[in-house]
Amino acid sequence: MDYSKQVLTLGFTLFELLSQALGLNPSYLNDLGCANLLLLMGHYYPPCPQPKLIMGTTNYKDSNIITILLQDQMGGL
């Protein structure tokens, strides 16, 4: 899939930049295998019909090294 290849390429590039920002060899994190996994998760939180009654949602733990989040117009993330 072309999309998967593009996302993996983006991951390798981000890890190269992060390695350099940390003062490491550009290939350091990629050599550790940090960019070898592609995981796509989708979370949908529908708008609350009574927003003044919102108390929150369940805890979410992100176990990834880097998460790229697409924020919608509702905000709050």
PDB file of N, CA and C in Angstrom:
ATOM      1  N   MET A   1       0.836  -1.181   0.000  1.00  0.00           N
ATOM      2  CA  MET A   1       0.000   0.000   0.000  1.00  0.00           C
ATOM      3  C   MET A   1       0.880   1.243   0.000  1.00  0.00           C
ATOM      4  N   ASP A   2       0.578   2.135  -0.877  1.00  0.00           N
ATOM      5  CA  ASP A   2       1.359   3.363  -0.994  1.00  0.00           C
ATOM      6  C   ASP A   2       1.263   4.205   0.278  1.00  0.00           C
ATOM      7  N   TYR A   3       0.081   4.281   0.880  1.00  0.00           N
ATOM      8  CA  TYR A   3      -0.094   5.072   2.100  1.00  0.00           C
ATOM      9  C   TYR A   3       0.816   4.554   3.209  1.00  0.00           C
ATOM     10  N   SER A   4       0.848   3.250   3.391  1.00  0.00           N
ATOM     11  CA  SER A   4       1.686   2.650   4.436  1.00  0.00           C
ATOM     12  C   SER A   4       3.155   2.977   4.215  1.00  0.00           C
ATOM     13  N   LYS A   5       3.598   2.897   2.980  1.00  0.00           N
ATOM     14  CA  LYS A   5       4.998   3.214   2.675  1.00  0.00           C
ATOM     15  C   LYS A   5       5.305   4.675   3.004  1.00  0.00           C
ATOM     16  N   GLN A   6       4.373   5.551   2.673  1.00  0.00           N
ATOM     17  CA  GLN A   6       4.568   6.983   2.945  1.00  0.00           C
ATOM     18  C   GLN A   6       4.632   7.249   4.452  1.00  0.00           C
ATOM     19  N   VAL A   7       3.767   6.584   5.218  1.00  0.00           N
ATOM     20  CA  VAL A   7       3.751   6.778   6.670  1.00  0.00           C
ATOM     21  C   VAL A   7       5.027   6.226   7.292  1.00  0.00           C
ATOM     22  N   LEU A   8       5.489   5.066   6.826  1.00  0.00           N
ATOM     23  CA  LEU A   8       6.740   4.508   7.341  1.00  0.00           C
ATOM     24  C   LEU A   8       7.917   5.423   7.022  1.00  0.00           C
ATOM     25  N   THR A   9       7.930   5.988   5.824  1.00  0.00           N
ATOM     26  CA  THR A   9       8.983   6.932   5.447  1.00  0.00           C
ATOM     27  C   THR A   9       8.948   8.153   6.365  1.00  0.00           C
ATOM     28  N   LEU A  10       7.755   8.650   6.649  1.00  0.00           N
ATOM     29  CA  LEU A  10       7.610   9.771   7.579  1.00  0.00           C
ATOM     30  C   LEU A  10       8.157   9.396   8.954  1.00  0.00           C
ATOM     31  N   GLY A  11       7.846   8.192   9.416  1.00  0.00           N
ATOM     32  CA  GLY A  11       8.343   7.731  10.712  1.00  0.00           C
ATOM     33  C   GLY A  11       9.856   7.687  10.763  1.00  0.00           C
ATOM     34  N   PHE A  12      10.478   7.124   9.732  1.00  0.00           N
ATOM     35  CA  PHE A  12      11.940   7.070   9.688  1.00  0.00           C
ATOM     36  C   PHE A  12      12.533   8.479   9.715  1.00  0.00           C
ATOM     37  N   THR A  13      11.922   9.391   8.965  1.00  0.00           N
ATOM     38  CA  THR A  13      12.413  10.768   8.930  1.00  0.00           C
ATOM     39  C   THR A  13      12.271  11.441  10.294  1.00  0.00           C
ATOM     40  N   LEU A  14      11.119  11.256  10.942  1.00  0.00           N
ATOM     41  CA  LEU A  14      10.916  11.850  12.266  1.00  0.00           C
ATOM     42  C   LEU A  14      11.914  11.311  13.284  1.00  0.00           C
ATOM     43  N   PHE A  15      12.199  10.011  13.231  1.00  0.00           N
ATOM     44  CA  PHE A  15      13.162   9.442  14.170  1.00  0.00           C
ATOM     45  C   PHE A  15      14.587   9.903  13.873  1.00  0.00           C
ATOM     46  N   GLU A  16      14.899  10.146  12.609  1.00  0.00           N
ATOM     47  CA  GLU A  16      16.209  10.719  12.279  1.00  0.00           C
ATOM     48  C   GLU A  16      16.330  12.124  12.875  1.00  0.00           C
ATOM     49  N   LEU A  17      15.292  12.931  12.698  1.00  0.00           N
ATOM     50  CA  LEU A  17      15.310  14.298  13.230  1.00  0.00           C
ATOM     51  C   LEU A  17      15.355  14.297  14.754  1.00  0.00           C
ATOM     52  N   LEU A  18      14.603  13.403  15.373  1.00  0.00           N
ATOM     53  CA  LEU A  18      14.609  13.313  16.831  1.00  0.00           C
ATOM     54  C   LEU A  18      15.977  12.874  17.347  1.00  0.00           C
ATOM     55  N   SER A  19      16.595  11.924  16.661  1.00  0.00           N
ATOM     56  CA  SER A  19      17.944  11.486  17.047  1.00  0.00           C
ATOM     57  C   SER A  19      18.923  12.654  16.989  1.00  0.00           C
ATOM     58  N   GLN A  20      18.866  13.412  15.905  1.00  0.00           N
ATOM     59  CA  GLN A  20      19.758  14.564  15.759  1.00  0.00           C
ATOM     60  C   GLN A  20      19.488  15.602  16.841  1.00  0.00           C
ATOM     61  N   ALA A  21      18.212  15.849  17.153  1.00  0.00           N
ATOM     62  CA  ALA A  21      17.866  16.830  18.182  1.00  0.00           C
ATOM     63  C   ALA A  21      18.390  16.407  19.551  1.00  0.00           C
ATOM     64  N   LEU A  22      18.532  15.103  19.760  1.00  0.00           N
ATOM     65  CA  LEU A  22      19.065  14.586  21.020  1.00  0.00           C
ATOM     66  C   LEU A  22      20.587  14.496  21.016  1.00  0.00           C
ATOM     67  N   GLY A  23      21.200  14.940  19.908  1.00  0.00           N
ATOM     68  CA  GLY A  23      22.656  14.910  19.807  1.00  0.00           C
ATOM     69  C   GLY A  23      23.209  13.536  19.479  1.00  0.00           C
ATOM     70  N   LEU A  24      22.376  12.686  18.916  1.00  0.00           N
ATOM     71  CA  LEU A  24      22.786  11.324  18.569  1.00  0.00           C
ATOM     72  C   LEU A  24      23.030  11.210  17.073  1.00  0.00           C
ATOM     73  N   ASN A  25      23.599  10.096  16.668  1.00  0.00           N
ATOM     74  CA  ASN A  25      23.736   9.781  15.253  1.00  0.00           C
ATOM     75  C   ASN A  25      22.332   9.752  14.645  1.00  0.00           C
ATOM     76  N   PRO A  26      22.133  10.325  13.451  1.00  0.00           N
ATOM     77  CA  PRO A  26      20.792  10.368  12.859  1.00  0.00           C
ATOM     78  C   PRO A  26      20.099   9.007  12.749  1.00  0.00           C
ATOM     79  N   SER A  27      20.853   7.941  12.621  1.00  0.00           N
ATOM     80  CA  SER A  27      20.235   6.621  12.468  1.00  0.00           C
ATOM     81  C   SER A  27      20.025   5.901  13.801  1.00  0.00           C
ATOM     82  N   TYR A  28      20.356   6.545  14.916  1.00  0.00           N
ATOM     83  CA  TYR A  28      20.352   5.873  16.218  1.00  0.00           C
ATOM     84  C   TYR A  28      19.000   5.222  16.552  1.00  0.00           C
ATOM     85  N   LEU A  29      17.931   5.999  16.556  1.00  0.00           N
ATOM     86  CA  LEU A  29      16.618   5.452  16.918  1.00  0.00           C
ATOM     87  C   LEU A  29      16.107   4.461  15.883  1.00  0.00           C
ATOM     88  N   ASN A  30      16.377   4.725  14.607  1.00  0.00           N
ATOM     89  CA  ASN A  30      15.963   3.772  13.576  1.00  0.00           C
ATOM     90  C   ASN A  30      16.720   2.457  13.713  1.00  0.00           C
ATOM     91  N   ASP A  31      17.994   2.523  14.088  1.00  0.00           N
ATOM     92  CA  ASP A  31      18.778   1.298  14.292  1.00  0.00           C
ATOM     93  C   ASP A  31      18.235   0.475  15.460  1.00  0.00           C
ATOM     94  N   LEU A  32      17.608   1.134  16.418  1.00  0.00           N
ATOM     95  CA  LEU A  32      16.985   0.423  17.541  1.00  0.00           C
ATOM     96  C   LEU A  32      15.659  -0.232  17.143  1.00  0.00           C
ATOM     97  N   GLY A  33      15.170   0.110  15.956  1.00  0.00           N
ATOM     98  CA  GLY A  33      13.915  -0.463  15.479  1.00  0.00           C
ATOM     99  C   GLY A  33      12.691   0.351  15.848  1.00  0.00           C
ATOM    100  N   CYS A  34      12.897   1.588  16.256  1.00  0.00           N
ATOM    101  CA  CYS A  34      11.772   2.418  16.705  1.00  0.00           C
ATOM    102  C   CYS A  34      10.740   2.673  15.608  1.00  0.00           C
ATOM    103  N   ALA A  35      11.157   2.682  14.358  1.00  0.00           N
ATOM    104  CA  ALA A  35      10.233   3.020  13.273  1.00  0.00           C
ATOM    105  C   ALA A  35       9.786   1.793  12.483  1.00  0.00           C
ATOM    106  N   ASN A  36      10.010   0.610  13.004  1.00  0.00           N
ATOM    107  CA  ASN A  36       9.695  -0.602  12.247  1.00  0.00           C
ATOM    108  C   ASN A  36       8.249  -1.056  12.363  1.00  0.00           C
ATOM    109  N   LEU A  37       7.457  -0.392  13.148  1.00  0.00           N
ATOM    110  CA  LEU A  37       6.075  -0.812  13.355  1.00  0.00           C
ATOM    111  C   LEU A  37       5.127   0.294  12.929  1.00  0.00           C
ATOM    112  N   LEU A  38       4.106  -0.094  12.229  1.00  0.00           N
ATOM    113  CA  LEU A  38       3.072   0.848  11.824  1.00  0.00           C
ATOM    114  C   LEU A  38       1.782   0.422  12.503  1.00  0.00           C
ATOM    115  N   LEU A  39       1.245   1.282  13.325  1.00  0.00           N
ATOM    116  CA  LEU A  39       0.011   0.993  14.044  1.00  0.00           C
ATOM    117  C   LEU A  39      -0.938   2.157  13.850  1.00  0.00           C
ATOM    118  N   LEU A  40      -2.104   1.858  13.350  1.00  0.00           N
ATOM    119  CA  LEU A  40      -3.110   2.890  13.137  1.00  0.00           C
ATOM    120  C   LEU A  40      -4.286   2.599  14.056  1.00  0.00           C
ATOM    121  N   MET A  41      -4.612   3.558  14.879  1.00  0.00           N
ATOM    122  CA  MET A  41      -5.757   3.421  15.771  1.00  0.00           C
ATOM    123  C   MET A  41      -6.686   4.593  15.531  1.00  0.00           C
ATOM    124  N   GLY A  42      -7.939   4.326  15.572  1.00  0.00           N
ATOM    125  CA  GLY A  42      -8.920   5.390  15.433  1.00  0.00           C
ATOM    126  C   GLY A  42      -9.795   5.462  16.672  1.00  0.00           C
ATOM    127  N   HIS A  43      -9.916   6.632  17.219  1.00  0.00           N
ATOM    128  CA  HIS A  43     -10.782   6.861  18.368  1.00  0.00           C
ATOM    129  C   HIS A  43     -11.791   7.923  17.973  1.00  0.00           C
ATOM    130  N   TYR A  44     -13.040   7.636  18.226  1.00  0.00           N
ATOM    131  CA  TYR A  44     -14.095   8.600  17.920  1.00  0.00           C
ATOM    132  C   TYR A  44     -14.840   8.932  19.202  1.00  0.00           C
ATOM    133  N   TYR A  45     -14.900  10.189  19.509  1.00  0.00           N
ATOM    134  CA  TYR A  45     -15.630  10.653  20.679  1.00  0.00           C
ATOM    135  C   TYR A  45     -16.757  11.554  20.184  1.00  0.00           C
ATOM    136  N   PRO A  46     -17.977  11.031  20.133  1.00  0.00           N
ATOM    137  CA  PRO A  46     -19.083  11.845  19.616  1.00  0.00           C
ATOM    138  C   PRO A  46     -19.349  13.044  20.522  1.00  0.00           C
ATOM    139  N   PRO A  47     -19.861  14.122  19.940  1.00  0.00           N
ATOM    140  CA  PRO A  47     -20.179  15.298  20.752  1.00  0.00           C
ATOM    141  C   PRO A  47     -21.234  14.948  21.804  1.00  0.00           C
ATOM    142  N   CYS A  48     -21.100  15.528  22.953  1.00  0.00           N
ATOM    143  CA  CYS A  48     -22.056  15.305  24.036  1.00  0.00           C
ATOM    144  C   CYS A  48     -23.303  16.145  23.771  1.00  0.00           C
ATOM    145  N   PRO A  49     -24.484  15.543  23.862  1.00  0.00           N
ATOM    146  CA  PRO A  49     -25.702  16.323  23.623  1.00  0.00           C
ATOM    147  C   PRO A  49     -25.947  17.375  24.717  1.00  0.00           C
ATOM    148  N   GLN A  50     -25.340  17.185  25.894  1.00  0.00           N
ATOM    149  CA  GLN A  50     -25.474  18.159  26.983  1.00  0.00           C
ATOM    150  C   GLN A  50     -24.079  18.482  27.519  1.00  0.00           C
ATOM    151  N   PRO A  51     -23.322  19.335  26.818  1.00  0.00           N
ATOM    152  CA  PRO A  51     -21.924  19.578  27.170  1.00  0.00           C
ATOM    153  C   PRO A  51     -21.703  20.109  28.586  1.00  0.00           C
ATOM    154  N   LYS A  52     -22.685  20.759  29.171  1.00  0.00           N
ATOM    155  CA  LYS A  52     -22.511  21.276  30.531  1.00  0.00           C
ATOM    156  C   LYS A  52     -22.481  20.158  31.571  1.00  0.00           C
ATOM    157  N   LEU A  53     -22.886  18.963  31.174  1.00  0.00           N
ATOM    158  CA  LEU A  53     -22.899  17.828  32.092  1.00  0.00           C
ATOM    159  C   LEU A  53     -21.670  16.935  31.936  1.00  0.00           C
ATOM    160  N   ILE A  54     -20.741  17.328  31.056  1.00  0.00           N
ATOM    161  CA  ILE A  54     -19.564  16.495  30.790  1.00  0.00           C
ATOM    162  C   ILE A  54     -18.703  16.378  32.041  1.00  0.00           C
ATOM    163  N   MET A  55     -18.324  15.149  32.356  1.00  0.00           N
ATOM    164  CA  MET A  55     -17.441  14.888  33.491  1.00  0.00           C
ATOM    165  C   MET A  55     -16.085  14.360  33.018  1.00  0.00           C
ATOM    166  N   GLY A  56     -15.969  14.004  31.763  1.00  0.00           N
ATOM    167  CA  GLY A  56     -14.718  13.465  31.230  1.00  0.00           C
ATOM    168  C   GLY A  56     -14.934  12.098  30.614  1.00  0.00           C
ATOM    169  N   THR A  57     -13.856  11.452  30.288  1.00  0.00           N
ATOM    170  CA  THR A  57     -13.903  10.128  29.680  1.00  0.00           C
ATOM    171  C   THR A  57     -12.928   9.227  30.415  1.00  0.00           C
ATOM    172  N   THR A  58     -12.891   7.972  30.045  1.00  0.00           N
ATOM    173  CA  THR A  58     -11.986   7.037  30.710  1.00  0.00           C
ATOM    174  C   THR A  58     -10.537   7.392  30.412  1.00  0.00           C
ATOM    175  N   ASN A  59      -9.633   6.927  31.250  1.00  0.00           N
ATOM    176  CA  ASN A  59      -8.204   7.169  31.052  1.00  0.00           C
ATOM    177  C   ASN A  59      -7.728   6.499  29.778  1.00  0.00           C
ATOM    178  N   TYR A  60      -6.773   7.131  29.132  1.00  0.00           N
ATOM    179  CA  TYR A  60      -6.162   6.574  27.930  1.00  0.00           C
ATOM    180  C   TYR A  60      -4.658   6.629  28.102  1.00  0.00           C
ATOM    181  N   LYS A  61      -4.009   5.514  27.929  1.00  0.00           N
ATOM    182  CA  LYS A  61      -2.556   5.457  28.048  1.00  0.00           C
ATOM    183  C   LYS A  61      -1.965   5.197  26.670  1.00  0.00           C
ATOM    184  N   ASP A  62      -1.087   6.088  26.256  1.00  0.00           N
ATOM    185  CA  ASP A  62      -0.443   5.962  24.958  1.00  0.00           C
ATOM    186  C   ASP A  62       0.883   5.248  25.144  1.00  0.00           C
ATOM    187  N   SER A  63       0.999   4.061  24.587  1.00  0.00           N
ATOM    188  CA  SER A  63       2.217   3.273  24.758  1.00  0.00           C
ATOM    189  C   SER A  63       3.194   3.444  23.598  1.00  0.00           C
ATOM    190  N   ASN A  64       2.915   4.374  22.718  1.00  0.00           N
ATOM    191  CA  ASN A  64       3.784   4.596  21.563  1.00  0.00           C
ATOM    192  C   ASN A  64       4.905   5.566  21.911  1.00  0.00           C
ATOM    193  N   ILE A  65       5.914   5.577  21.073  1.00  0.00           N
ATOM    194  CA  ILE A  65       7.007   6.526  21.242  1.00  0.00           C
ATOM    195  C   ILE A  65       6.579   7.896  20.734  1.00  0.00           C
ATOM    196  N   ILE A  66       5.983   7.923  19.563  1.00  0.00           N
ATOM    197  CA  ILE A  66       5.505   9.167  18.968  1.00  0.00           C
ATOM    198  C   ILE A  66       4.071   8.950  18.500  1.00  0.00           C
ATOM    199  N   THR A  67       3.220   9.900  18.802  1.00  0.00           N
ATOM    200  CA  THR A  67       1.843   9.865  18.333  1.00  0.00           C
ATOM    201  C   THR A  67       1.593  11.118  17.517  1.00  0.00           C
ATOM    202  N   ILE A  68       1.021  10.945  16.341  1.00  0.00           N
ATOM    203  CA  ILE A  68       0.616  12.077  15.518  1.00  0.00           C
ATOM    204  C   ILE A  68      -0.897  12.143  15.617  1.00  0.00           C
ATOM    205  N   LEU A  69      -1.393  13.246  16.135  1.00  0.00           N
ATOM    206  CA  LEU A  69      -2.809  13.397  16.424  1.00  0.00           C
ATOM    207  C   LEU A  69      -3.429  14.400  15.470  1.00  0.00           C
ATOM    208  N   LEU A  70      -4.522  14.012  14.853  1.00  0.00           N
ATOM    209  CA  LEU A  70      -5.278  14.921  13.997  1.00  0.00           C
ATOM    210  C   LEU A  70      -6.434  15.472  14.820  1.00  0.00           C
ATOM    211  N   GLN A  71      -6.342  16.733  15.177  1.00  0.00           N
ATOM    212  CA  GLN A  71      -7.359  17.387  16.004  1.00  0.00           C
ATOM    213  C   GLN A  71      -8.492  17.887  15.118  1.00  0.00           C
ATOM    214  N   ASP A  72      -9.725  17.685  15.558  1.00  0.00           N
ATOM    215  CA  ASP A  72     -10.854  18.215  14.801  1.00  0.00           C
ATOM    216  C   ASP A  72     -11.228  19.610  15.310  1.00  0.00           C
ATOM    217  N   GLN A  73     -12.298  20.168  14.756  1.00  0.00           N
ATOM    218  CA  GLN A  73     -12.699  21.526  15.117  1.00  0.00           C
ATOM    219  C   GLN A  73     -13.308  21.621  16.516  1.00  0.00           C
ATOM    220  N   MET A  74     -13.624  20.484  17.142  1.00  0.00           N
ATOM    221  CA  MET A  74     -14.216  20.496  18.482  1.00  0.00           C
ATOM    222  C   MET A  74     -13.179  20.842  19.552  1.00  0.00           C
ATOM    223  N   GLY A  75     -11.922  20.473  19.330  1.00  0.00           N
ATOM    224  CA  GLY A  75     -10.867  20.752  20.301  1.00  0.00           C
ATOM    225  C   GLY A  75     -10.968  19.851  21.515  1.00  0.00           C
ATOM    226  N   GLY A  76     -10.129  20.120  22.487  1.00  0.00           N
ATOM    227  CA  GLY A  76     -10.197  19.400  23.745  1.00  0.00           C
ATOM    228  C   GLY A  76      -9.219  18.263  23.901  1.00  0.00           C
ATOM    229  N   LEU A  77      -8.438  17.959  22.897  1.00  0.00           N
ATOM    230  CA  LEU A  77      -7.462  16.875  23.027  1.00  0.00           C
ATOM    231  C   LEU A  77      -6.079  17.432  23.236  1.00  0.00           C
TER     232      LEU A  77
END
